[in-house]
């Protein structure tokens, strides 16, 4: 177990590898969101952990792109304007090739979102440069499915 949640001893769980990905095309405002959640109510996820990066984000931009989106990792929020201290899990300043490390518990009723958006203070031209960029997130970890 790599994250904070420890299941009760009567739970019989089967653990399998978690690896999933999703892409989004940033809109005219340079904004896009991808969300992930457990498959059903008897499943929970532990993303990352044990010095293994759990989430990789990247874009289809060249490595030397001058304007790169930020990416915020949030639990149970899919709107950057609604992310608070309780559900924010970190921000990347270079979402064209970055990693979120550390273990994250995702319960059966939770979801994880990666929120891509222009850097604060971006000009209209910089925001326009992000429109149409394809941002991708790859999540790895462990799926735990409760059997009893």
Protein backbone atom coordinates (compact mmCIF):
# COMPACT_ATOMS: atom_id res chain seq x y z
CA UNK A 1 0.00 0.00 0.00
CA UNK A 2 1.59 3.27 -1.06
CA UNK A 3 -1.03 5.89 -0.25
CA UNK A 4 -2.82 6.88 2.94
CA UNK A 5 -5.92 4.66 2.77
CA UNK A 6 -5.69 1.27 4.46
CA UNK A 7 -8.70 -0.96 3.82
CA UNK A 8 -10.40 -2.86 6.65
CA UNK A 9 -9.06 -6.39 7.20
CA UNK A 10 -12.30 -8.03 6.01
CA UNK A 11 -11.88 -6.66 2.50
CA UNK A 12 -10.65 -9.19 -0.03
CA UNK A 13 -9.10 -7.21 -2.87
CA UNK A 14 -7.54 -8.18 -6.17
CA UNK A 15 -4.77 -5.85 -7.34
CA UNK A 16 -4.00 -5.31 -11.03
CA UNK A 17 -1.92 -2.80 -12.95
CA UNK A 18 -3.53 0.53 -13.79
CA UNK A 19 -2.49 2.22 -17.00
CA UNK A 20 -4.80 4.53 -18.88
CA UNK A 21 -4.46 7.62 -21.01
CA UNK A 22 -6.57 10.34 -22.51
CA UNK A 23 -6.02 13.36 -24.76
CA UNK A 24 -7.78 16.68 -25.21
CA UNK A 25 -7.49 19.41 -27.83
CA UNK A 26 -7.16 22.80 -26.13
CA UNK A 27 -9.98 25.17 -27.04
CA UNK A 28 -9.74 28.80 -28.29
CA UNK A 29 -9.01 29.92 -24.70
CA UNK A 30 -6.13 27.40 -24.45
CA UNK A 31 -8.08 25.28 -21.94
CA UNK A 32 -8.76 21.54 -21.82
CA UNK A 33 -9.54 18.84 -19.25
CA UNK A 34 -9.11 15.08 -19.06
CA UNK A 35 -10.73 13.08 -16.25
CA UNK A 36 -10.26 9.54 -14.97
CA UNK A 37 -12.24 7.48 -12.45
CA UNK A 38 -12.44 3.91 -11.16
CA UNK A 39 -14.47 1.53 -13.32
CA UNK A 40 -17.16 0.71 -10.74
CA UNK A 41 -18.21 1.10 -7.09
CA UNK A 42 -16.12 -1.86 -5.86
CA UNK A 43 -12.89 -0.45 -7.21
CA UNK A 44 -10.34 2.07 -5.94
CA UNK A 45 -7.10 3.27 -7.43
CA UNK A 46 -3.70 4.15 -6.06
CA UNK A 47 -1.97 6.29 -8.67
CA UNK A 48 1.84 6.27 -8.55
CA UNK A 49 3.79 5.69 -5.34
CA UNK A 50 6.99 3.90 -4.32
CA UNK A 51 9.10 6.46 -6.22
CA UNK A 52 7.18 5.66 -9.41
CA UNK A 53 5.72 8.65 -11.23
CA UNK A 54 1.99 8.16 -11.44
CA UNK A 55 1.03 10.73 -14.04
CA UNK A 56 2.88 11.93 -17.11
CA UNK A 57 1.59 14.88 -19.12
CA UNK A 58 2.76 16.10 -22.50
CA UNK A 59 1.62 18.01 -25.55
CA UNK A 60 2.22 17.72 -29.26
CA UNK A 61 4.24 20.95 -29.16
CA UNK A 62 7.93 21.04 -30.06
CA UNK A 63 10.32 20.93 -27.09
CA UNK A 64 11.34 24.54 -27.73
CA UNK A 65 7.78 25.93 -27.81
CA UNK A 66 7.65 29.44 -26.37
CA UNK A 67 4.16 29.15 -24.87
CA UNK A 68 3.38 25.96 -22.97
CA UNK A 69 0.20 25.25 -20.98
CA UNK A 70 0.18 24.78 -17.23
CA UNK A 71 -1.43 21.61 -15.90
CA UNK A 72 -3.09 21.25 -12.50
CA UNK A 73 -3.90 17.86 -10.99
CA UNK A 74 -7.17 17.93 -9.07
CA UNK A 75 -9.28 15.39 -7.19
CA UNK A 76 -13.05 15.73 -7.75
CA UNK A 77 -12.88 18.97 -9.74
CA UNK A 78 -12.90 19.54 -13.48
CA UNK A 79 -12.92 23.36 -13.51
CA UNK A 80 -9.73 25.30 -12.78
CA UNK A 81 -11.78 28.14 -11.26
CA UNK A 82 -13.26 25.71 -8.71
CA UNK A 83 -10.04 24.01 -7.56
CA UNK A 84 -9.31 24.64 -3.90
CA UNK A 85 -6.55 23.67 -1.51
CA UNK A 86 -8.41 20.53 -0.47
CA UNK A 87 -8.57 19.00 -3.93
CA UNK A 88 -5.50 20.37 -5.72
CA UNK A 89 -2.64 17.86 -5.95
CA UNK A 90 -0.04 19.97 -7.74
CA UNK A 91 0.65 22.10 -10.79
CA UNK A 92 3.09 21.62 -13.63
CA UNK A 93 4.71 24.71 -15.14
CA UNK A 94 5.61 22.87 -18.31
CA UNK A 95 2.79 20.56 -19.32
CA UNK A 96 4.49 19.79 -22.63
CA UNK A 97 6.61 17.16 -20.83
CA UNK A 98 6.26 16.74 -17.07
CA UNK A 99 5.50 14.22 -14.33
CA UNK A 100 3.37 14.23 -11.21
CA UNK A 101 4.94 11.99 -8.56
CA UNK A 102 3.63 10.68 -5.25
CA UNK A 103 0.77 8.39 -4.39
CA UNK A 104 -2.84 9.52 -4.82
CA UNK A 105 -5.84 7.60 -3.45
CA UNK A 106 -8.86 7.63 -5.77
CA UNK A 107 -11.92 6.08 -4.12
CA UNK A 108 -14.92 4.51 -5.86
CA UNK A 109 -16.83 7.83 -5.84
CA UNK A 110 -13.83 10.00 -6.77
CA UNK A 111 -12.31 11.15 -10.03
CA UNK A 112 -8.99 12.71 -10.99
CA UNK A 113 -8.73 15.54 -13.51
CA UNK A 114 -5.80 17.12 -15.28
CA UNK A 115 -6.65 20.71 -16.11
CA UNK A 116 -4.62 22.31 -18.90
CA UNK A 117 -4.68 26.11 -19.19
CA UNK A 118 -2.54 29.08 -20.32
CA UNK A 119 0.12 30.41 -17.96
CA UNK A 120 -1.18 33.25 -15.76
CA UNK A 121 -0.68 36.65 -17.38
CA UNK A 122 -0.65 35.27 -20.93
CA UNK A 123 -1.38 37.73 -23.72
CA UNK A 124 -4.14 37.14 -26.25
CA UNK A 125 -1.51 36.07 -28.80
CA UNK A 126 0.00 33.56 -26.38
CA UNK A 127 -3.43 32.11 -25.60
CA UNK A 128 -4.18 31.88 -29.32
CA UNK A 129 -0.93 29.92 -29.78
CA UNK A 130 -2.28 27.23 -27.42
CA UNK A 131 -5.57 26.78 -29.31
CA UNK A 132 -5.55 23.41 -31.06
CA UNK A 133 -2.63 21.98 -29.05
CA UNK A 134 -3.23 18.33 -28.12
CA UNK A 135 -2.51 17.61 -24.45
CA UNK A 136 -2.23 14.03 -23.17
CA UNK A 137 -2.12 12.47 -19.71
CA UNK A 138 -0.96 8.93 -18.92
CA UNK A 139 -1.85 7.48 -15.51
CA UNK A 140 -0.15 4.43 -13.96
CA UNK A 141 -0.64 2.74 -10.62
CA UNK A 142 -2.70 -0.07 -9.14
CA UNK A 143 -6.41 -0.92 -9.37
CA UNK A 144 -7.85 -2.65 -6.30
CA UNK A 145 -11.14 -4.46 -6.85
CA UNK A 146 -13.00 -5.61 -3.76
CA UNK A 147 -14.34 -9.17 -4.06
CA UNK A 148 -15.81 -9.61 -0.57
